[in-house]
N, C-alpha and C. Protein backbone atom coordinates (compact mmCIF):
# COMPACT_ATOMS: atom_id res chain seq x y z
N MET A 1 38.52 -16.43 -2.46
CA MET A 1 36.65 -16.31 -2.44
C MET A 1 36.47 -15.16 -2.85
N GLU A 2 35.68 -15.43 -3.38
CA GLU A 2 34.51 -13.40 -3.08
C GLU A 2 32.72 -13.58 -2.67
N ILE A 3 32.79 -12.98 -2.29
CA ILE A 3 31.38 -12.84 -2.17
C ILE A 3 30.69 -12.23 -3.17
N ASP A 4 29.48 -12.56 -3.40
CA ASP A 4 28.51 -11.87 -4.28
C ASP A 4 27.68 -11.26 -3.96
N ILE A 5 27.94 -10.47 -3.42
CA ILE A 5 27.13 -9.52 -2.68
C ILE A 5 26.26 -8.44 -3.51
N LYS A 6 26.19 -8.66 -4.64
CA LYS A 6 25.03 -7.81 -5.69
C LYS A 6 24.30 -8.87 -5.77
N ALA A 7 24.03 -9.92 -5.84
CA ALA A 7 23.68 -11.18 -5.76
C ALA A 7 22.45 -11.38 -4.48
N TYR A 8 23.22 -10.95 -3.33
CA TYR A 8 22.94 -10.80 -2.39
C TYR A 8 21.70 -9.96 -2.01
N LEU A 9 21.72 -8.62 -2.47
CA LEU A 9 20.90 -7.53 -2.29
C LEU A 9 19.86 -7.96 -3.59
N VAL A 10 20.13 -8.45 -4.68
CA VAL A 10 18.87 -8.80 -5.58
C VAL A 10 18.12 -9.47 -4.69
N ASP A 11 18.87 -11.01 -4.31
CA ASP A 11 17.67 -11.53 -3.64
C ASP A 11 17.18 -11.00 -2.62
N HIS A 12 17.66 -10.31 -1.40
CA HIS A 12 16.88 -9.47 -0.40
C HIS A 12 16.38 -8.12 -1.06
N ASP A 13 15.96 -7.73 -2.34
CA ASP A 13 15.48 -6.66 -2.94
C ASP A 13 15.84 -5.36 -2.25
N LEU A 14 17.04 -5.62 -2.05
CA LEU A 14 17.82 -4.13 -1.26
C LEU A 14 18.72 -3.29 -2.18
N THR A 15 19.12 -2.09 -2.31
CA THR A 15 19.41 -1.41 -2.86
C THR A 15 21.00 -1.00 -1.76
N ILE A 16 22.31 -0.57 -2.68
CA ILE A 16 22.95 0.06 -1.71
C ILE A 16 22.70 0.94 -0.90
N TYR A 17 21.51 1.91 -1.22
CA TYR A 17 21.23 2.96 -0.61
C TYR A 17 20.55 2.66 0.44
N GLN A 18 19.53 1.42 0.31
CA GLN A 18 19.04 1.01 1.29
C GLN A 18 19.53 1.09 2.64
N VAL A 19 20.96 -0.19 2.37
CA VAL A 19 21.56 -0.39 3.12
C VAL A 19 22.95 0.37 4.09
N ALA A 20 22.76 1.23 3.15
CA ALA A 20 23.37 2.57 3.64
C ALA A 20 22.62 3.36 4.97
N LYS A 21 21.50 3.64 4.19
CA LYS A 21 21.08 4.10 5.23
C LYS A 21 20.32 3.36 6.67
N ALA A 22 19.97 2.39 6.33
CA ALA A 22 19.51 1.10 7.69
C ALA A 22 21.15 1.57 8.54
N GLY A 23 21.89 1.14 8.14
CA GLY A 23 23.10 1.18 8.93
C GLY A 23 23.54 2.12 9.27
N GLY A 24 22.96 3.45 8.95
CA GLY A 24 23.55 4.71 8.89
C GLY A 24 25.25 5.50 8.74
N TYR A 25 25.18 4.79 7.61
CA TYR A 25 26.55 4.92 6.68
C TYR A 25 26.09 5.78 5.70
N GLY A 26 27.35 6.41 4.98
CA GLY A 26 27.60 7.04 4.12
C GLY A 26 26.94 5.98 2.55
N TYR A 27 26.62 6.40 1.80
CA TYR A 27 26.31 5.99 0.61
C TYR A 27 27.60 5.95 -0.27
N THR A 28 28.64 7.20 -0.36
CA THR A 28 29.37 6.61 -0.71
C THR A 28 30.41 5.32 -0.13
N THR A 29 30.75 5.44 1.20
CA THR A 29 31.21 4.68 1.94
C THR A 29 30.76 3.24 1.54
N ILE A 30 29.61 2.69 1.61
CA ILE A 30 29.12 1.41 1.30
C ILE A 30 29.21 0.87 -0.32
N HIS A 31 28.75 2.11 -1.09
CA HIS A 31 28.98 1.78 -2.54
C HIS A 31 30.65 1.02 -3.03
N LYS A 32 31.39 2.39 -2.36
CA LYS A 32 32.86 2.12 -2.65
C LYS A 32 33.11 0.26 -2.40
N SER A 33 32.93 0.41 -0.73
CA SER A 33 32.93 -0.98 -0.22
C SER A 33 32.46 -2.06 -1.22
N PHE A 34 31.24 -2.28 -1.30
CA PHE A 34 30.64 -3.11 -2.14
C PHE A 34 30.99 -3.25 -3.72
N ASN A 35 31.76 -2.06 -4.00
CA ASN A 35 32.40 -2.42 -5.90
C ASN A 35 33.73 -2.52 -5.91
N LYS A 36 34.54 -2.55 -4.58
CA LYS A 36 35.80 -2.77 -4.82
C LYS A 36 36.38 -4.26 -5.30
N PRO A 37 37.58 -4.03 -6.19
CA PRO A 37 37.64 -5.66 -6.10
C PRO A 37 38.19 -6.43 -4.75
N GLN A 38 37.30 -7.73 -4.21
CA GLN A 38 38.02 -8.29 -3.14
C GLN A 38 38.90 -8.75 -3.53
N THR A 39 39.92 -9.46 -2.34
CA THR A 39 40.68 -10.40 -2.26
C THR A 39 40.51 -11.27 -1.27
N GLU A 40 41.14 -12.25 -1.24
CA GLU A 40 40.64 -13.03 0.17
C GLU A 40 40.81 -12.40 1.37
N ALA A 41 42.29 -11.46 1.31
CA ALA A 41 42.41 -10.39 2.44
C ALA A 41 41.34 -9.27 2.77
N THR A 42 40.66 -8.93 1.70
CA THR A 42 39.82 -7.79 2.06
C THR A 42 38.39 -8.06 1.38
N SER A 43 37.25 -8.93 2.12
CA SER A 43 35.99 -9.31 1.07
C SER A 43 34.76 -8.31 1.80
N LEU A 44 34.74 -8.94 3.01
CA LEU A 44 33.54 -7.47 3.43
C LEU A 44 34.60 -7.27 4.80
N ASN A 45 33.92 -6.21 5.62
CA ASN A 45 34.66 -5.61 6.85
C ASN A 45 32.99 -5.50 7.88
N LEU A 46 33.66 -5.12 8.90
CA LEU A 46 32.45 -5.25 10.18
C LEU A 46 31.54 -4.17 9.70
N ARG A 47 31.86 -3.07 9.25
CA ARG A 47 31.29 -1.95 8.97
C ARG A 47 30.01 -2.80 7.60
N ASP A 48 30.59 -3.32 6.74
CA ASP A 48 29.55 -3.71 5.70
C ASP A 48 28.34 -5.17 6.17
N LEU A 49 28.97 -5.45 7.12
CA LEU A 49 27.79 -6.42 7.85
C LEU A 49 27.21 -6.01 8.84
N ASP A 50 27.50 -5.00 9.40
CA ASP A 50 26.60 -4.31 10.30
C ASP A 50 25.54 -3.69 9.16
N ALA A 51 25.86 -3.01 8.24
CA ALA A 51 25.15 -2.40 7.41
C ALA A 51 23.90 -3.86 7.07
N LEU A 52 24.55 -4.55 6.11
CA LEU A 52 23.17 -5.75 6.22
C LEU A 52 22.42 -5.87 6.98
N ALA A 53 23.46 -6.28 8.22
CA ALA A 53 21.90 -7.05 8.95
C ALA A 53 21.08 -6.12 9.65
N GLN A 54 21.63 -4.81 9.62
CA GLN A 54 20.65 -3.52 10.25
C GLN A 54 19.31 -3.62 9.10
N ALA A 55 20.15 -3.68 7.51
CA ALA A 55 18.73 -3.36 6.47
C ALA A 55 17.87 -5.00 6.28
N THR A 56 18.69 -5.91 6.70
CA THR A 56 17.62 -7.34 6.61
C THR A 56 16.86 -7.16 8.28
N GLN A 57 17.22 -6.38 9.04
CA GLN A 57 16.56 -7.12 10.13
C GLN A 57 17.14 -7.84 11.15
N SER A 58 18.59 -8.41 10.70
CA SER A 58 18.95 -10.08 11.18
C SER A 58 20.35 -9.26 12.16
N SER A 59 20.94 -10.36 12.57
CA SER A 59 22.27 -10.15 13.50
C SER A 59 23.15 -10.59 12.25
N MET A 60 24.18 -9.71 12.97
CA MET A 60 25.62 -9.59 11.85
C MET A 60 25.98 -11.52 11.74
N TRP A 61 25.70 -12.19 12.61
CA TRP A 61 26.18 -13.43 12.27
C TRP A 61 25.42 -14.29 11.40
N GLU A 62 23.96 -14.29 11.43
CA GLU A 62 23.23 -14.52 10.47
C GLU A 62 23.59 -14.20 9.16
N VAL A 63 23.87 -12.80 8.88
CA VAL A 63 24.27 -12.19 6.94
C VAL A 63 25.45 -12.95 7.15
N LEU A 64 26.54 -13.01 7.82
CA LEU A 64 27.83 -13.89 7.44
C LEU A 64 27.74 -15.37 7.01
N ARG A 65 26.58 -15.79 8.01
CA ARG A 65 26.44 -17.33 7.86
C ARG A 65 25.60 -17.58 6.34
N GLU A 66 24.83 -16.63 5.95
CA GLU A 66 23.87 -16.44 4.48
C GLU A 66 25.26 -16.71 3.67
N LEU A 67 25.74 -15.47 3.94
CA LEU A 67 26.89 -15.17 2.63
C LEU A 67 27.69 -16.40 2.16
N GLU A 68 28.10 -16.98 3.68
CA GLU A 68 29.23 -17.77 3.64
C GLU A 68 28.44 -19.35 3.15
N THR A 69 27.29 -19.23 3.01
CA THR A 69 26.34 -20.62 2.90
C THR A 69 26.34 -20.39 1.36
N HIS A 70 25.62 -19.35 1.12
CA HIS A 70 25.17 -18.96 -0.25
C HIS A 70 25.58 -18.05 -1.56
N TYR A 71 26.50 -17.45 -0.85
CA TYR A 71 27.00 -16.54 -2.03
C TYR A 71 28.51 -16.36 -1.88
N LEU A 72 29.41 -17.27 -1.73
CA LEU A 72 30.68 -17.72 -1.93
C LEU A 72 31.23 -17.91 -2.97
N GLN A 73 32.14 -17.32 -4.03
CA GLN A 73 32.20 -17.96 -5.56
C GLN A 73 33.49 -17.89 -5.41
N ASN A 74 34.12 -19.27 -5.83
CA ASN A 74 35.59 -19.58 -5.76
C ASN A 74 36.33 -19.03 -6.86
């Protein structure tokens, strides 16, 4: 299963740059993470969830729940 992170960003009117800046991470780090091929072993990591939570002013568990509920692809 993959998480459609690009759709999540579009739906929340966010760019990778905004997520990186809000989370306090480098743009290149977040860009590589969001654009890498996902496998069941490596989808998103805690850093990515933290950055998304900061960008959406949510908690990490809320972001994770939303990703699992609306953005998982088989």
